[in-house]
Amino acid sequence: MNLLKALLAQAPVFVGNGSNHEGESFAGRLEMQALVNGSALVLHYTATRADGRHLHKEATLLAAAQDGALCLWPVMEELPFVLPHRAIDSTHDEEDGTLAVLFASGPRDAMNTFREEITISLNPGGELRIAHSRGMPGGAFVERSHCTLRAVAT
């Protein structure tokens, strides 16, 4: 199953909880907007601490590239540029039905540059998980944040 098609079949709003790189808990919200007959999705994602402090905001285009490969183009507050992420691995767990796609901006071991991976997984029960892993130039590559979300009625 294709992640884009699987997400298009879901409710457009998800909420849940996660943890960031500083160990802070946050409430996550994901709003999905289908574009041009379902050929792409814009994912509007925010993270807010329980005290109301804003932690993160991004808008990401999820679509197929010219060669058909699924890609993400995230626009994030923390980055002054758009860093394309290409799907480098996709799994569909035969036992529990979870679909997971790993998107990467470059090799994990490219120590001389910023690199990032975003993993999006969706299980048949409608649970969506988003994880961001990254490494700064010269730094270790590790998971920095994750959020588990569920669809809400709109």
C-alpha atoms as a PDB file:
ATOM      1  CA  MET A   1       0.000   0.000   0.000  1.00  0.00           C
ATOM      2  CA  ASN A   2       1.169   3.513  -0.830  1.00  0.00           C
ATOM      3  CA  LEU A   3       1.477   5.896   2.156  1.00  0.00           C
ATOM      4  CA  LEU A   4      -0.052   8.798   0.239  1.00  0.00           C
ATOM      5  CA  LYS A   5      -3.166   6.771  -0.607  1.00  0.00           C
ATOM      6  CA  ALA A   6      -3.363   5.403   2.943  1.00  0.00           C
ATOM      7  CA  LEU A   7      -3.254   8.919   4.429  1.00  0.00           C
ATOM      8  CA  LEU A   8      -5.804  10.233   1.940  1.00  0.00           C
ATOM      9  CA  ALA A   9      -8.200   7.561   3.233  1.00  0.00           C
ATOM     10  CA  GLN A  10      -7.880   8.870   6.825  1.00  0.00           C
ATOM     11  CA  ALA A  11      -9.671  11.667   8.640  1.00  0.00           C
ATOM     12  CA  PRO A  12      -7.982  15.018   7.936  1.00  0.00           C
ATOM     13  CA  VAL A  13      -7.114  15.867  11.574  1.00  0.00           C
ATOM     14  CA  PHE A  14      -4.999  13.911  14.063  1.00  0.00           C
ATOM     15  CA  VAL A  15      -4.008  14.800  17.629  1.00  0.00           C
ATOM     16  CA  GLY A  16      -1.700  13.085  20.074  1.00  0.00           C
ATOM     17  CA  ASN A  17       1.319  13.314  22.322  1.00  0.00           C
ATOM     18  CA  GLY A  18       5.038  13.204  21.828  1.00  0.00           C
ATOM     19  CA  SER A  19       8.455  14.056  23.188  1.00  0.00           C
ATOM     20  CA  ASN A  20      11.125  16.347  21.738  1.00  0.00           C
ATOM     21  CA  HIS A  21      14.943  16.335  21.772  1.00  0.00           C
ATOM     22  CA  GLU A  22      14.994  17.948  25.236  1.00  0.00           C
ATOM     23  CA  GLY A  23      12.648  15.347  26.691  1.00  0.00           C
ATOM     24  CA  GLU A  24       9.760  17.819  26.831  1.00  0.00           C
ATOM     25  CA  SER A  25       6.311  16.321  26.406  1.00  0.00           C
ATOM     26  CA  PHE A  26       4.056  18.020  23.917  1.00  0.00           C
ATOM     27  CA  ALA A  27       0.648  17.846  22.289  1.00  0.00           C
ATOM     28  CA  GLY A  28       0.875  17.262  18.561  1.00  0.00           C
ATOM     29  CA  ARG A  29      -1.654  18.230  15.928  1.00  0.00           C
ATOM     30  CA  LEU A  30      -1.593  17.175  12.290  1.00  0.00           C
ATOM     31  CA  GLU A  31      -3.990  18.578   9.710  1.00  0.00           C
ATOM     32  CA  MET A  32      -3.914  17.091   6.218  1.00  0.00           C
ATOM     33  CA  GLN A  33      -5.020  18.914   3.095  1.00  0.00           C
ATOM     34  CA  ALA A  34      -5.418  16.994  -0.159  1.00  0.00           C
ATOM     35  CA  LEU A  35      -4.208  18.747  -3.298  1.00  0.00           C
ATOM     36  CA  VAL A  36      -5.161  18.403  -6.981  1.00  0.00           C
ATOM     37  CA  ASN A  37      -7.400  15.348  -7.031  1.00  0.00           C
ATOM     38  CA  GLY A  38      -5.444  13.604  -4.277  1.00  0.00           C
ATOM     39  CA  SER A  39      -2.114  13.687  -6.111  1.00  0.00           C
ATOM     40  CA  ALA A  40      -0.436  15.242  -3.057  1.00  0.00           C
ATOM     41  CA  LEU A  41      -0.992  16.121   0.582  1.00  0.00           C
ATOM     42  CA  VAL A  42       0.082  19.072   2.677  1.00  0.00           C
ATOM     43  CA  LEU A  43       0.726  18.034   6.266  1.00  0.00           C
ATOM     44  CA  HIS A  44       0.388  20.911   8.747  1.00  0.00           C
ATOM     45  CA  TYR A  45       2.068  19.774  11.983  1.00  0.00           C
ATOM     46  CA  THR A  46       2.444  21.629  15.292  1.00  0.00           C
ATOM     47  CA  ALA A  47       3.842  20.742  18.705  1.00  0.00           C
ATOM     48  CA  THR A  48       2.786  22.624  21.848  1.00  0.00           C
ATOM     49  CA  ARG A  49       3.775  22.065  25.483  1.00  0.00           C
ATOM     50  CA  ALA A  50       1.076  21.608  28.134  1.00  0.00           C
ATOM     51  CA  ASP A  51       1.724  25.153  29.373  1.00  0.00           C
ATOM     52  CA  GLY A  52       0.836  26.489  25.920  1.00  0.00           C
ATOM     53  CA  ARG A  53       4.405  27.205  24.813  1.00  0.00           C
ATOM     54  CA  HIS A  54       4.817  26.678  21.076  1.00  0.00           C
ATOM     55  CA  LEU A  55       7.638  24.219  20.242  1.00  0.00           C
ATOM     56  CA  HIS A  56       7.474  23.406  16.548  1.00  0.00           C
ATOM     57  CA  LYS A  57       5.602  24.118  13.347  1.00  0.00           C
ATOM     58  CA  GLU A  58       5.995  22.703   9.882  1.00  0.00           C
ATOM     59  CA  ALA A  59       4.128  22.382   6.609  1.00  0.00           C
ATOM     60  CA  THR A  60       5.179  19.446   4.473  1.00  0.00           C
ATOM     61  CA  LEU A  61       4.285  18.483   0.943  1.00  0.00           C
ATOM     62  CA  LEU A  62       3.965  14.714   0.451  1.00  0.00           C
ATOM     63  CA  ALA A  63       3.905  13.714  -3.208  1.00  0.00           C
ATOM     64  CA  ALA A  64       5.564  11.595  -5.862  1.00  0.00           C
ATOM     65  CA  ALA A  65       8.657  12.937  -7.591  1.00  0.00           C
ATOM     66  CA  GLN A  66       8.989  12.798 -11.379  1.00  0.00           C
ATOM     67  CA  ASP A  67      10.386   9.257 -11.178  1.00  0.00           C
ATOM     68  CA  GLY A  68       7.443   8.111  -9.020  1.00  0.00           C
ATOM     69  CA  ALA A  69       9.366   7.948  -5.731  1.00  0.00           C
ATOM     70  CA  LEU A  70       7.429   9.272  -2.755  1.00  0.00           C
ATOM     71  CA  CYS A  71       9.034  12.414  -1.296  1.00  0.00           C
ATOM     72  CA  LEU A  72       8.562  14.948   1.485  1.00  0.00           C
ATOM     73  CA  TRP A  73       9.364  18.636   1.174  1.00  0.00           C
ATOM     74  CA  PRO A  74       9.134  19.965   4.761  1.00  0.00           C
ATOM     75  CA  VAL A  75       9.146  23.668   5.537  1.00  0.00           C
ATOM     76  CA  MET A  76      10.169  23.941   9.199  1.00  0.00           C
ATOM     77  CA  GLU A  77      10.675  26.856  11.544  1.00  0.00           C
ATOM     78  CA  GLU A  78      14.101  25.574  12.547  1.00  0.00           C
ATOM     79  CA  LEU A  79      15.523  25.363   9.027  1.00  0.00           C
ATOM     80  CA  PRO A  80      16.085  28.394   6.786  1.00  0.00           C
ATOM     81  CA  PHE A  81      15.679  26.215   3.665  1.00  0.00           C
ATOM     82  CA  VAL A  82      13.580  23.355   2.300  1.00  0.00           C
ATOM     83  CA  LEU A  83      15.426  20.062   2.468  1.00  0.00           C
ATOM     84  CA  PRO A  84      13.851  17.405   0.213  1.00  0.00           C
ATOM     85  CA  HIS A  85      13.444  13.947   1.765  1.00  0.00           C
ATOM     86  CA  ARG A  86      13.156  10.915  -0.501  1.00  0.00           C
ATOM     87  CA  ALA A  87      11.556   7.639   0.597  1.00  0.00           C
ATOM     88  CA  ILE A  88      14.448   5.232   1.118  1.00  0.00           C
ATOM     89  CA  ASP A  89      12.621   2.395   2.837  1.00  0.00           C
ATOM     90  CA  SER A  90       9.025   1.252   3.063  1.00  0.00           C
ATOM     91  CA  THR A  91       7.669  -1.626   5.105  1.00  0.00           C
ATOM     92  CA  HIS A  92       4.250  -3.179   5.446  1.00  0.00           C
ATOM     93  CA  ASP A  93       4.157  -5.457   8.484  1.00  0.00           C
ATOM     94  CA  GLU A  94       2.263  -8.592   7.485  1.00  0.00           C
ATOM     95  CA  GLU A  95       1.302  -9.405  11.099  1.00  0.00           C
ATOM     96  CA  ASP A  96      -0.058  -6.111  12.397  1.00  0.00           C
ATOM     97  CA  GLY A  97      -0.641  -4.302   9.090  1.00  0.00           C
ATOM     98  CA  THR A  98       1.482  -1.239   9.941  1.00  0.00           C
ATOM     99  CA  LEU A  99       2.751   0.721   6.965  1.00  0.00           C
ATOM    100  CA  ALA A 100       5.963   2.667   7.622  1.00  0.00           C
ATOM    101  CA  VAL A 101       7.981   4.863   5.284  1.00  0.00           C
ATOM    102  CA  LEU A 102      11.415   6.287   6.027  1.00  0.00           C
ATOM    103  CA  PHE A 103      12.262   9.540   4.242  1.00  0.00           C
ATOM    104  CA  ALA A 104      15.854  10.842   4.223  1.00  0.00           C
ATOM    105  CA  SER A 105      17.587  14.038   3.177  1.00  0.00           C
ATOM    106  CA  GLY A 106      20.911  12.245   2.828  1.00  0.00           C
ATOM    107  CA  PRO A 107      23.037   9.464   4.295  1.00  0.00           C
ATOM    108  CA  ARG A 108      23.141   9.147   8.079  1.00  0.00           C
ATOM    109  CA  ASP A 109      26.910   8.872   7.998  1.00  0.00           C
ATOM    110  CA  ALA A 110      27.463  12.131   6.054  1.00  0.00           C
ATOM    111  CA  MET A 111      29.113  13.692   9.108  1.00  0.00           C
ATOM    112  CA  ASN A 112      30.142  16.892   7.304  1.00  0.00           C
ATOM    113  CA  THR A 113      26.561  18.075   6.737  1.00  0.00           C
ATOM    114  CA  PHE A 114      23.144  18.374   8.327  1.00  0.00           C
ATOM    115  CA  ARG A 115      21.101  15.241   7.657  1.00  0.00           C
ATOM    116  CA  GLU A 116      17.605  14.247   8.653  1.00  0.00           C
ATOM    117  CA  GLU A 117      15.178  11.355   8.458  1.00  0.00           C
ATOM    118  CA  ILE A 118      11.436  11.496   8.960  1.00  0.00           C
ATOM    119  CA  THR A 119       9.542   8.272   9.552  1.00  0.00           C
ATOM    120  CA  ILE A 120       5.779   8.159   9.120  1.00  0.00           C
ATOM    121  CA  SER A 121       3.920   5.013  10.131  1.00  0.00           C
ATOM    122  CA  LEU A 122       0.227   4.218  10.090  1.00  0.00           C
ATOM    123  CA  ASN A 123      -1.403   1.133  11.571  1.00  0.00           C
ATOM    124  CA  PRO A 124      -4.799  -0.319  10.592  1.00  0.00           C
ATOM    125  CA  GLY A 125      -6.302   0.988  13.841  1.00  0.00           C
ATOM    126  CA  GLY A 126      -5.674   4.544  12.626  1.00  0.00           C
ATOM    127  CA  GLU A 127      -2.684   5.322  14.851  1.00  0.00           C
ATOM    128  CA  LEU A 128      -0.167   7.573  13.114  1.00  0.00           C
ATOM    129  CA  ARG A 129       3.425   8.021  14.327  1.00  0.00           C
ATOM    130  CA  ILE A 130       5.853  10.668  13.114  1.00  0.00           C
ATOM    131  CA  ALA A 131       9.512  10.589  14.175  1.00  0.00           C
ATOM    132  CA  HIS A 132      12.278  13.066  13.325  1.00  0.00           C
ATOM    133  CA  SER A 133      15.908  11.942  13.510  1.00  0.00           C
ATOM    134  CA  ARG A 134      18.822  14.202  12.644  1.00  0.00           C
ATOM    135  CA  GLY A 135      22.480  14.922  12.970  1.00  0.00           C
ATOM    136  CA  MET A 136      24.228  18.261  12.870  1.00  0.00           C
ATOM    137  CA  PRO A 137      27.549  18.608  10.999  1.00  0.00           C
ATOM    138  CA  GLY A 138      30.095  16.680  13.050  1.00  0.00           C
ATOM    139  CA  GLY A 139      27.371  15.422  15.401  1.00  0.00           C
ATOM    140  CA  ALA A 140      25.693  12.147  16.211  1.00  0.00           C
ATOM    141  CA  PHE A 141      22.641  11.043  14.242  1.00  0.00           C
ATOM    142  CA  VAL A 142      19.790  10.178  16.655  1.00  0.00           C
ATOM    143  CA  GLU A 143      16.010  10.336  16.965  1.00  0.00           C
ATOM    144  CA  ARG A 144      15.186  13.848  18.214  1.00  0.00           C
ATOM    145  CA  SER A 145      11.409  13.786  18.489  1.00  0.00           C
ATOM    146  CA  HIS A 146       8.393  11.589  17.977  1.00  0.00           C
ATOM    147  CA  CYS A 147       4.640  11.907  18.238  1.00  0.00           C
ATOM    148  CA  THR A 148       1.848   9.336  18.208  1.00  0.00           C
ATOM    149  CA  LEU A 149      -1.467  10.660  16.928  1.00  0.00           C
ATOM    150  CA  ARG A 150      -5.053   9.481  16.423  1.00  0.00           C
ATOM    151  CA  ALA A 151      -7.745  10.818  14.127  1.00  0.00           C
ATOM    152  CA  VAL A 152     -10.357  13.132  15.600  1.00  0.00           C
ATOM    153  CA  ALA A 153     -13.848  13.897  14.384  1.00  0.00           C
ATOM    154  CA  THR A 154     -14.093  17.294  12.721  1.00  0.00           C
END
